[in-house]
């Protein structure tokens, strides 16, 4: 494939004649690669649920930790991944970061087959799944270079939304795939207390071949954007920008909630309404599907306005969860949680739409990755907060009061900096300090 020597998506003639086809090809390879990253990142949200059923003897705190630790590692790696695209090129980094996902996938497949596998090994494998968490920052930063400003919100929404879909895919596919030996590439099944046989290794082994395929496609079919490379020092200037930190808080409140709730929801269902555990995938599916809508709405109506409504509905959803949890009413609990997921998905798209309007392209890309890095800590702190809440108060309700307070703060920041008529409009702010 011929190397791209010129790139300017804001040049309409170039964009229509050549740029669009290259951008779309890179986007549609980026999407499944990112989806696999999210699958590996969140695989413990469903594997942890089944461990004690097949002979392991972990505490609730240990299980929540296994679901949470990939979030901690993935969020930390995002700071490195954020600057990788500018340093070595988007195509190169996509191939590398996708290929290494095979390491934890293979490791988990073997580890879950032995109930004597120590918690420390499980913790190490959970940490290695954090490799998948880092990919979002580099993937988003890379795709932001390919599209003109008027289409960035939609493109980033598609890449992020369909990529985020990996969370719901792994939560939907795993309960189905572990019941058959057809995909048990290595090892025997595990016997449950009721005599039923499962193959928990399938939850990890099934993704190895797709990972290899997407690694090859990324290497041979994606592009390194000319002019996108810049040193880490040049990119690091974003930490001096006031709006970098404000947008990071907004994105923590939206995407941080989505990924944190996704990691914790299966365990929450099992502890509160175990008979409905099969519905665990619904929240992540709804949020991921809503993300492209949030990007599109941001392009159409303005990201700040859409984000404001998002925080209102997230607070309402959290209040609903509290009310119905206290009353042990599953239907209301599920509906309220789905409102939380829907709003967080839309907000993930609308906040990302705001960033390219606040910064020049070379700064917008690392800001996107930087804010995504901080937000990813939600996948660690939210499950841990739920675990603390259950252990200390006997209910996860207490955790939701913290979330509501954060949404109020985020709403206020969004209004003060991006909605007030007396402030500079978000679409005209450039590199504000």
Protein backbone atom coordinates (compact mmCIF):
# COMPACT_ATOMS: atom_id res chain seq x y z
CA UNK A 1 0.00 0.00 0.00
CA UNK A 2 1.35 3.39 -1.04
CA UNK A 3 2.53 5.64 1.74
CA UNK A 4 0.55 8.85 2.37
CA UNK A 5 2.85 11.85 1.88
CA UNK A 6 0.37 14.70 2.37
CA UNK A 7 -2.47 15.07 4.82
CA UNK A 8 -4.84 18.01 5.37
CA UNK A 9 -8.46 16.97 6.04
CA UNK A 10 -9.48 20.65 6.33
CA UNK A 11 -8.64 21.03 2.61
CA UNK A 12 -12.05 20.16 1.18
CA UNK A 13 -10.73 19.32 -2.28
CA UNK A 14 -8.13 16.92 -0.85
CA UNK A 15 -10.66 15.48 1.59
CA UNK A 16 -13.25 14.64 -1.07
CA UNK A 17 -10.74 13.40 -3.64
CA UNK A 18 -8.49 11.30 -1.44
CA UNK A 19 -8.58 11.99 2.28
CA UNK A 20 -12.01 10.57 3.05
CA UNK A 21 -11.28 7.08 1.72
CA UNK A 22 -8.05 6.82 3.71
CA UNK A 23 -9.70 8.13 6.86
CA UNK A 24 -12.58 5.67 6.62
CA UNK A 25 -10.28 2.71 6.01
CA UNK A 26 -8.23 3.57 9.09
CA UNK A 27 -11.38 4.11 11.14
CA UNK A 28 -12.89 0.74 10.24
CA UNK A 29 -9.69 -1.10 11.17
CA UNK A 30 -9.35 0.94 14.34
CA UNK A 31 -12.87 0.06 15.52
CA UNK A 32 -12.55 -3.76 15.81
CA UNK A 33 -9.00 -3.40 17.13
CA UNK A 34 -10.27 -1.13 19.88
CA UNK A 35 -13.22 -3.43 20.52
CA UNK A 36 -10.82 -6.31 21.18
CA UNK A 37 -8.86 -4.08 23.54
CA UNK A 38 -12.00 -3.37 25.55
CA UNK A 39 -12.90 -7.07 25.54
CA UNK A 40 -9.54 -8.00 27.06
CA UNK A 41 -9.65 -5.02 29.43
CA UNK A 42 -13.06 -5.94 30.84
CA UNK A 43 -12.87 -9.73 30.63
CA UNK A 44 -12.48 -9.97 34.41
CA UNK A 45 -15.87 -8.34 34.95
CA UNK A 46 -17.39 -11.65 33.82
CA UNK A 47 -14.63 -14.16 34.61
CA UNK A 48 -14.51 -13.04 38.27
CA UNK A 49 -18.22 -13.79 38.61
CA UNK A 50 -17.68 -17.49 37.80
CA UNK A 51 -14.40 -18.26 39.61
CA UNK A 52 -15.88 -19.43 42.92
CA UNK A 53 -18.44 -21.51 41.03
CA UNK A 54 -15.67 -23.65 39.54
CA UNK A 55 -13.68 -24.30 42.70
CA UNK A 56 -11.83 -21.11 43.56
CA UNK A 57 -12.31 -19.65 47.03
CA UNK A 58 -11.88 -15.89 46.74
CA UNK A 59 -13.54 -13.30 48.98
CA UNK A 60 -15.94 -10.64 47.69
CA UNK A 61 -13.21 -8.05 48.11
CA UNK A 62 -10.78 -10.16 46.07
CA UNK A 63 -13.32 -10.63 43.28
CA UNK A 64 -14.07 -6.89 43.10
CA UNK A 65 -10.30 -6.30 43.06
CA UNK A 66 -9.84 -8.65 40.10
CA UNK A 67 -12.56 -6.73 38.26
CA UNK A 68 -10.99 -3.41 39.24
CA UNK A 69 -7.23 -3.88 38.80
CA UNK A 70 -7.30 -3.87 34.96
CA UNK A 71 -8.83 -0.43 35.26
CA UNK A 72 -6.01 0.84 37.45
CA UNK A 73 -3.31 -0.47 35.14
CA UNK A 74 -5.15 0.49 31.94
CA UNK A 75 -5.72 4.04 33.13
CA UNK A 76 -2.05 4.43 34.04
CA UNK A 77 -0.91 3.01 30.71
CA UNK A 78 -3.12 5.51 28.89
CA UNK A 79 -0.69 8.26 29.85
CA UNK A 80 2.01 6.38 27.95
CA UNK A 81 -0.27 5.39 25.07
CA UNK A 82 -1.49 8.98 24.68
CA UNK A 83 1.91 10.11 23.44
CA UNK A 84 2.78 6.93 21.52
CA UNK A 85 0.92 7.91 18.33
CA UNK A 86 2.82 11.17 18.02
CA UNK A 87 6.09 9.43 18.86
CA UNK A 88 6.09 6.32 16.63
CA UNK A 89 3.03 6.64 14.37
CA UNK A 90 -0.61 5.55 14.58
CA UNK A 91 -0.33 2.46 12.38
CA UNK A 92 2.79 1.19 14.14
CA UNK A 93 1.33 1.65 17.60
CA UNK A 94 -2.07 0.12 16.71
CA UNK A 95 -0.34 -3.05 15.50
CA UNK A 96 1.87 -3.29 18.59
CA UNK A 97 -0.83 -2.49 21.14
CA UNK A 98 -3.29 -4.93 19.54
CA UNK A 99 -0.78 -7.77 19.28
CA UNK A 100 0.20 -7.76 22.97
CA UNK A 101 -3.44 -8.41 23.94
CA UNK A 102 -2.83 -12.08 23.13
CA UNK A 103 -0.57 -12.40 26.20
CA UNK A 104 -3.26 -12.01 28.92
CA UNK A 105 -5.86 -13.81 26.77
CA UNK A 106 -3.69 -16.93 26.60
CA UNK A 107 -2.62 -16.65 30.25
CA UNK A 108 -6.18 -16.42 31.59
CA UNK A 109 -7.24 -19.39 29.47
CA UNK A 110 -4.75 -21.63 31.24
CA UNK A 111 -5.00 -20.11 34.75
CA UNK A 112 -8.76 -20.54 35.21
CA UNK A 113 -8.48 -24.28 34.60
CA UNK A 114 -6.69 -24.84 37.91
CA UNK A 115 -8.56 -23.86 41.12
CA UNK A 116 -5.22 -23.94 42.94
CA UNK A 117 -3.93 -21.00 40.89
CA UNK A 118 -2.99 -18.46 43.59
CA UNK A 119 -4.67 -15.09 43.83
CA UNK A 120 -1.33 -13.40 43.08
CA UNK A 121 -1.19 -15.02 39.63
CA UNK A 122 -4.79 -14.04 38.95
CA UNK A 123 -3.94 -10.49 40.02
CA UNK A 124 -0.97 -10.42 37.63
CA UNK A 125 -3.16 -11.60 34.74
CA UNK A 126 -5.78 -9.00 35.66
CA UNK A 127 -3.04 -6.35 35.61
CA UNK A 128 -1.90 -7.54 32.15
CA UNK A 129 -5.46 -7.03 30.92
CA UNK A 130 -4.79 -3.38 31.62
CA UNK A 131 -2.85 -3.42 28.33
CA UNK A 132 -6.25 -3.32 26.64
CA UNK A 133 -7.27 -0.30 28.69
CA UNK A 134 -4.42 1.78 27.35
CA UNK A 135 -5.50 1.41 23.72
CA UNK A 136 -8.39 3.85 23.88
CA UNK A 137 -6.14 6.86 24.35
CA UNK A 138 -3.86 6.02 21.44
CA UNK A 139 -6.74 4.94 19.20
CA UNK A 140 -8.72 8.13 19.82
CA UNK A 141 -5.67 10.34 19.41
CA UNK A 142 -4.86 8.59 16.13
CA UNK A 143 -8.36 8.84 14.65
CA UNK A 144 -8.61 12.53 15.59
CA UNK A 145 -5.83 13.28 13.07
CA UNK A 146 -7.71 11.70 10.16
CA UNK A 147 -10.95 13.72 10.10
CA UNK A 148 -11.84 17.39 9.53
CA UNK A 149 -13.07 19.32 12.55
CA UNK A 150 -16.72 19.26 11.41
CA UNK A 151 -16.67 15.43 11.44
CA UNK A 152 -14.40 14.72 14.40
CA UNK A 153 -17.25 14.35 16.90
CA UNK A 154 -19.00 11.75 14.80
CA UNK A 155 -15.78 9.89 13.89
CA UNK A 156 -14.55 9.80 17.48
CA UNK A 157 -18.04 8.73 18.58
CA UNK A 158 -18.03 5.82 16.14
CA UNK A 159 -14.51 4.74 17.06
CA UNK A 160 -15.12 5.09 20.80
CA UNK A 161 -18.71 3.85 20.79
CA UNK A 162 -18.18 0.72 18.73
CA UNK A 163 -14.88 0.15 20.51
CA UNK A 164 -16.63 0.49 23.87
CA UNK A 165 -19.06 -2.13 22.59
CA UNK A 166 -16.37 -4.65 23.48
CA UNK A 167 -17.51 -4.39 27.10
CA UNK A 168 -21.03 -5.57 26.29
CA UNK A 169 -19.72 -8.12 23.77
CA UNK A 170 -17.57 -9.84 26.38
CA UNK A 171 -20.38 -9.70 28.95
CA UNK A 172 -22.89 -11.16 26.47
CA UNK A 173 -20.68 -13.72 24.72
CA UNK A 174 -18.91 -15.15 27.79
CA UNK A 175 -21.95 -16.79 29.46
CA UNK A 176 -22.77 -18.43 26.11
CA UNK A 177 -19.29 -19.45 25.04
CA UNK A 178 -18.29 -21.06 28.36
CA UNK A 179 -21.12 -23.60 28.13
CA UNK A 180 -19.69 -25.41 25.11
CA UNK A 181 -16.53 -27.39 24.59
CA UNK A 182 -16.44 -26.52 20.89
CA UNK A 183 -14.12 -23.59 21.54
CA UNK A 184 -12.05 -25.20 24.28
CA UNK A 185 -8.76 -25.09 22.39
CA UNK A 186 -6.88 -26.43 25.40
CA UNK A 187 -7.89 -28.12 28.64
CA UNK A 188 -10.94 -29.81 30.07
CA UNK A 189 -14.20 -28.43 31.39
CA UNK A 190 -14.92 -27.49 34.99
CA UNK A 191 -17.82 -29.04 36.90
CA UNK A 192 -20.25 -26.79 38.79
CA UNK A 193 -21.97 -27.73 42.04
CA UNK A 194 -25.12 -28.75 40.13
CA UNK A 195 -23.11 -31.11 37.90
CA UNK A 196 -23.16 -28.83 34.87
CA UNK A 197 -19.91 -28.57 32.94
CA UNK A 198 -18.46 -25.24 31.80
CA UNK A 199 -15.31 -24.21 29.95
CA UNK A 200 -14.29 -20.91 31.52
CA UNK A 201 -11.06 -20.90 29.50
CA UNK A 202 -13.19 -20.19 26.42
CA UNK A 203 -13.85 -16.69 27.78
CA UNK A 204 -10.21 -15.86 27.00
CA UNK A 205 -9.09 -18.30 24.29
CA UNK A 206 -11.90 -17.28 21.90
CA UNK A 207 -10.30 -13.86 21.33
CA UNK A 208 -6.76 -14.98 20.43
CA UNK A 209 -7.36 -15.54 16.71
CA UNK A 210 -9.28 -12.23 16.20
CA UNK A 211 -6.40 -10.43 17.96
CA UNK A 212 -3.89 -11.94 15.54
CA UNK A 213 -6.06 -11.05 12.52
CA UNK A 214 -6.50 -7.42 13.56
CA UNK A 215 -2.79 -7.05 14.34
CA UNK A 216 -1.94 -8.11 10.78
CA UNK A 217 -4.62 -5.84 9.28
CA UNK A 218 -3.44 -2.85 11.30
CA UNK A 219 0.15 -3.34 10.21
CA UNK A 220 -0.57 -3.75 6.50
CA UNK A 221 -3.68 -1.61 5.95
CA UNK A 222 -3.47 1.39 8.31
CA UNK A 223 -1.44 4.57 7.80
CA UNK A 224 0.91 6.79 9.75
CA UNK A 225 -0.42 10.32 9.24
CA UNK A 226 2.22 12.69 7.83
CA UNK A 227 2.94 15.58 10.17
CA UNK A 228 1.34 13.87 13.18
CA UNK A 229 4.63 12.91 14.77
CA UNK A 230 5.85 15.15 17.57
CA UNK A 231 8.03 14.67 20.59
CA UNK A 232 6.62 13.84 24.00
CA UNK A 233 7.91 17.22 25.21
CA UNK A 234 5.95 19.03 22.48
CA UNK A 235 2.80 17.10 23.33
CA UNK A 236 3.27 17.57 27.06
CA UNK A 237 2.50 21.28 26.75
CA UNK A 238 -1.18 20.33 27.17
CA UNK A 239 -0.74 19.95 30.94
CA UNK A 240 -0.31 23.74 31.12
CA UNK A 241 -3.71 24.34 29.53
CA UNK A 242 -6.54 25.08 31.92
CA UNK A 243 -9.10 23.51 29.62
CA UNK A 244 -7.17 20.23 29.56
CA UNK A 245 -7.96 19.77 33.24
CA UNK A 246 -11.56 20.98 33.03
CA UNK A 247 -12.35 18.64 30.15
CA UNK A 248 -10.64 15.82 32.01
CA UNK A 249 -13.04 16.27 34.94
CA UNK A 250 -16.03 16.26 32.58
CA UNK A 251 -14.80 13.13 30.85
CA UNK A 252 -14.15 11.38 34.17
CA UNK A 253 -17.80 12.04 35.07
CA UNK A 254 -19.07 10.59 31.78
CA UNK A 255 -16.73 7.90 30.47
CA UNK A 256 -15.34 7.17 33.94
CA UNK A 257 -18.88 6.35 35.04
CA UNK A 258 -19.54 4.20 31.99
CA UNK A 259 -16.44 2.05 32.32
CA UNK A 260 -16.65 1.88 36.13
CA UNK A 261 -20.29 0.83 36.14
CA UNK A 262 -19.57 -1.69 33.37
CA UNK A 263 -16.84 -3.32 35.45
CA UNK A 264 -18.98 -3.46 38.59
CA UNK A 265 -22.48 -4.13 37.22
CA UNK A 266 -22.19 -7.95 36.87
CA UNK A 267 -20.92 -8.30 40.45
CA UNK A 268 -23.57 -5.88 41.69
CA UNK A 269 -26.30 -7.90 39.99
CA UNK A 270 -24.97 -11.13 41.43
CA UNK A 271 -24.93 -9.70 44.97
CA UNK A 272 -28.29 -7.87 44.82
CA UNK A 273 -30.41 -9.68 42.19
CA UNK A 274 -28.55 -12.91 41.32
CA UNK A 275 -31.44 -14.35 39.34
CA UNK A 276 -30.96 -11.60 36.72
CA UNK A 277 -27.18 -11.94 36.21
CA UNK A 278 -27.74 -12.82 32.54
CA UNK A 279 -28.78 -9.20 31.91
CA UNK A 280 -25.39 -7.81 32.97
CA UNK A 281 -24.40 -6.97 29.38
CA UNK A 282 -27.32 -4.58 28.80
CA UNK A 283 -25.83 -1.51 30.48
CA UNK A 284 -22.53 -1.53 28.60
CA UNK A 285 -24.34 -2.28 25.32
CA UNK A 286 -26.65 0.71 25.75
CA UNK A 287 -23.83 3.08 26.76
CA UNK A 288 -21.58 2.03 23.90
CA UNK A 289 -24.40 2.34 21.35
CA UNK A 290 -25.22 5.81 22.71
CA UNK A 291 -21.68 7.17 22.38
CA UNK A 292 -21.80 7.82 18.59
CA UNK A 293 -25.16 9.51 19.17
CA UNK A 294 -23.52 11.79 21.74
CA UNK A 295 -20.80 12.74 19.25
CA UNK A 296 -23.40 13.44 16.55
CA UNK A 297 -25.59 15.47 18.93
CA UNK A 298 -22.50 17.44 19.95
CA UNK A 299 -21.71 18.24 16.31
CA UNK A 300 -25.32 19.32 15.75
CA UNK A 301 -26.27 21.18 18.94
CA UNK A 302 -22.98 21.85 20.70
CA UNK A 303 -21.12 19.52 23.03
CA UNK A 304 -21.46 21.69 26.12
CA UNK A 305 -25.25 21.86 25.87
CA UNK A 306 -25.60 18.11 25.38
CA UNK A 307 -23.19 17.43 28.24
CA UNK A 308 -25.23 19.63 30.60
CA UNK A 309 -28.35 17.53 30.01
CA UNK A 310 -26.25 14.39 30.45
CA UNK A 311 -25.24 15.31 34.00
CA UNK A 312 -28.83 16.04 34.95
CA UNK A 313 -29.97 12.62 33.78
CA UNK A 314 -27.01 10.88 35.40
CA UNK A 315 -27.95 12.40 38.76
CA UNK A 316 -31.58 11.35 38.25
CA UNK A 317 -30.49 7.83 37.32
CA UNK A 318 -28.28 7.53 40.41
CA UNK A 319 -31.10 8.73 42.66
CA UNK A 320 -33.39 6.15 41.07
CA UNK A 321 -30.88 3.37 41.70
CA UNK A 322 -30.68 4.39 45.38
CA UNK A 323 -34.47 4.43 45.75
CA UNK A 324 -35.09 1.06 44.08
CA UNK A 325 -32.11 -0.65 45.71
CA UNK A 326 -33.46 0.34 49.10
CA UNK A 327 -36.85 -1.06 48.10
CA UNK A 328 -35.35 -4.20 46.50
CA UNK A 329 -37.33 -3.51 43.32
CA UNK A 330 -35.44 -4.98 40.38
CA UNK A 331 -37.40 -3.40 37.50
CA UNK A 332 -36.89 0.13 38.83
CA UNK A 333 -33.25 -0.63 39.69
CA UNK A 334 -32.53 -1.87 36.16
CA UNK A 335 -34.35 1.01 34.48
CA UNK A 336 -32.52 3.59 36.62
CA UNK A 337 -29.17 1.96 35.96
CA UNK A 338 -29.89 1.91 32.23
CA UNK A 339 -30.60 5.66 32.40
CA UNK A 340 -27.16 6.03 34.01
CA UNK A 341 -25.54 3.96 31.28
CA UNK A 342 -27.40 5.74 28.47
CA UNK A 343 -26.51 9.20 29.76
CA UNK A 344 -22.87 8.29 30.40
CA UNK A 345 -22.57 6.93 26.85
CA UNK A 346 -24.03 10.06 25.29
CA UNK A 347 -21.84 12.20 27.53
CA UNK A 348 -18.71 10.29 26.53
CA UNK A 349 -19.40 11.28 22.93
CA UNK A 350 -20.43 14.88 23.60
CA UNK A 351 -17.42 15.68 25.80
CA UNK A 352 -15.03 14.29 23.18
CA UNK A 353 -16.78 16.48 20.59
CA UNK A 354 -15.90 19.53 22.68
CA UNK A 355 -12.13 18.92 22.78
CA UNK A 356 -11.27 19.52 19.08
CA UNK A 357 -13.09 22.85 19.33
CA UNK A 358 -10.99 23.91 22.29
CA UNK A 359 -7.55 23.06 20.94
CA UNK A 360 -5.54 23.09 17.73
CA UNK A 361 -5.27 19.59 16.13
CA UNK A 362 -1.77 18.79 17.44
CA UNK A 363 -2.91 19.56 20.98
CA UNK A 364 -6.42 18.11 20.67
CA UNK A 365 -5.06 14.60 20.02
CA UNK A 366 -2.95 14.33 23.21
CA UNK A 367 -5.68 16.08 25.25
CA UNK A 368 -8.14 13.41 24.12
CA UNK A 369 -5.75 10.69 25.25
CA UNK A 370 -4.81 12.51 28.45
CA UNK A 371 -8.42 13.03 29.58
CA UNK A 372 -9.24 9.43 28.64
CA UNK A 373 -6.37 8.25 30.83
CA UNK A 374 -7.73 9.92 33.94
CA UNK A 375 -11.30 8.82 33.15
CA UNK A 376 -10.22 5.20 32.87
CA UNK A 377 -9.46 5.19 36.59
CA UNK A 378 -13.23 4.97 36.99
CA UNK A 379 -12.96 1.29 36.11
CA UNK A 380 -10.78 0.85 39.20
CA UNK A 381 -12.26 3.23 41.72
CA UNK A 382 -15.95 2.57 41.08
CA UNK A 383 -15.78 -1.23 41.67
CA UNK A 384 -13.50 -0.60 44.66
CA UNK A 385 -15.94 2.00 46.02
CA UNK A 386 -18.81 -0.45 45.62
CA UNK A 387 -16.77 -3.11 47.40
CA UNK A 388 -16.00 -0.69 50.25
CA UNK A 389 -19.64 0.40 50.45
CA UNK A 390 -20.91 -3.19 50.68
CA UNK A 391 -18.29 -4.21 53.24
CA UNK A 392 -18.77 -1.19 55.52
CA UNK A 393 -22.47 -0.40 55.20
CA UNK A 394 -23.89 -3.67 53.87
CA UNK A 395 -25.21 -2.00 50.70
CA UNK A 396 -23.80 -0.36 47.54
CA UNK A 397 -26.17 2.59 48.03
CA UNK A 398 -23.62 4.72 49.89
CA UNK A 399 -21.35 4.79 46.83
CA UNK A 400 -24.03 6.46 44.72
CA UNK A 401 -24.13 9.53 46.94
CA UNK A 402 -20.47 10.15 46.05
CA UNK A 403 -21.29 9.82 42.35
CA UNK A 404 -24.19 12.27 42.54
CA UNK A 405 -21.96 14.85 44.24
CA UNK A 406 -19.40 14.51 41.47
CA UNK A 407 -22.05 14.96 38.76
CA UNK A 408 -23.17 18.21 40.42
CA UNK A 409 -19.58 19.50 40.40
CA UNK A 410 -19.13 18.52 36.75
CA UNK A 411 -22.40 20.21 35.76
CA UNK A 412 -21.26 23.42 37.47
CA UNK A 413 -17.87 23.40 35.72
CA UNK A 414 -19.45 22.76 32.33
CA UNK A 415 -21.89 25.64 32.84
CA UNK A 416 -19.29 28.08 34.19
CA UNK A 417 -16.68 27.57 31.46
CA UNK A 418 -18.62 26.51 28.37
CA UNK A 419 -22.24 27.65 28.65
CA UNK A 420 -22.33 31.09 30.27
CA UNK A 421 -22.75 33.89 27.76
CA UNK A 422 -20.08 35.90 29.54
CA UNK A 423 -17.45 33.22 28.96
CA UNK A 424 -15.65 32.55 25.71
CA UNK A 425 -17.66 30.11 23.59
CA UNK A 426 -16.20 26.63 23.50
CA UNK A 427 -15.98 26.70 19.72
CA UNK A 428 -13.66 29.71 19.71
CA UNK A 429 -11.31 28.95 22.57
CA UNK A 430 -7.83 28.11 21.30
CA UNK A 431 -5.09 26.85 23.54
CA UNK A 432 -6.43 28.79 26.53
CA UNK A 433 -4.03 28.70 29.43
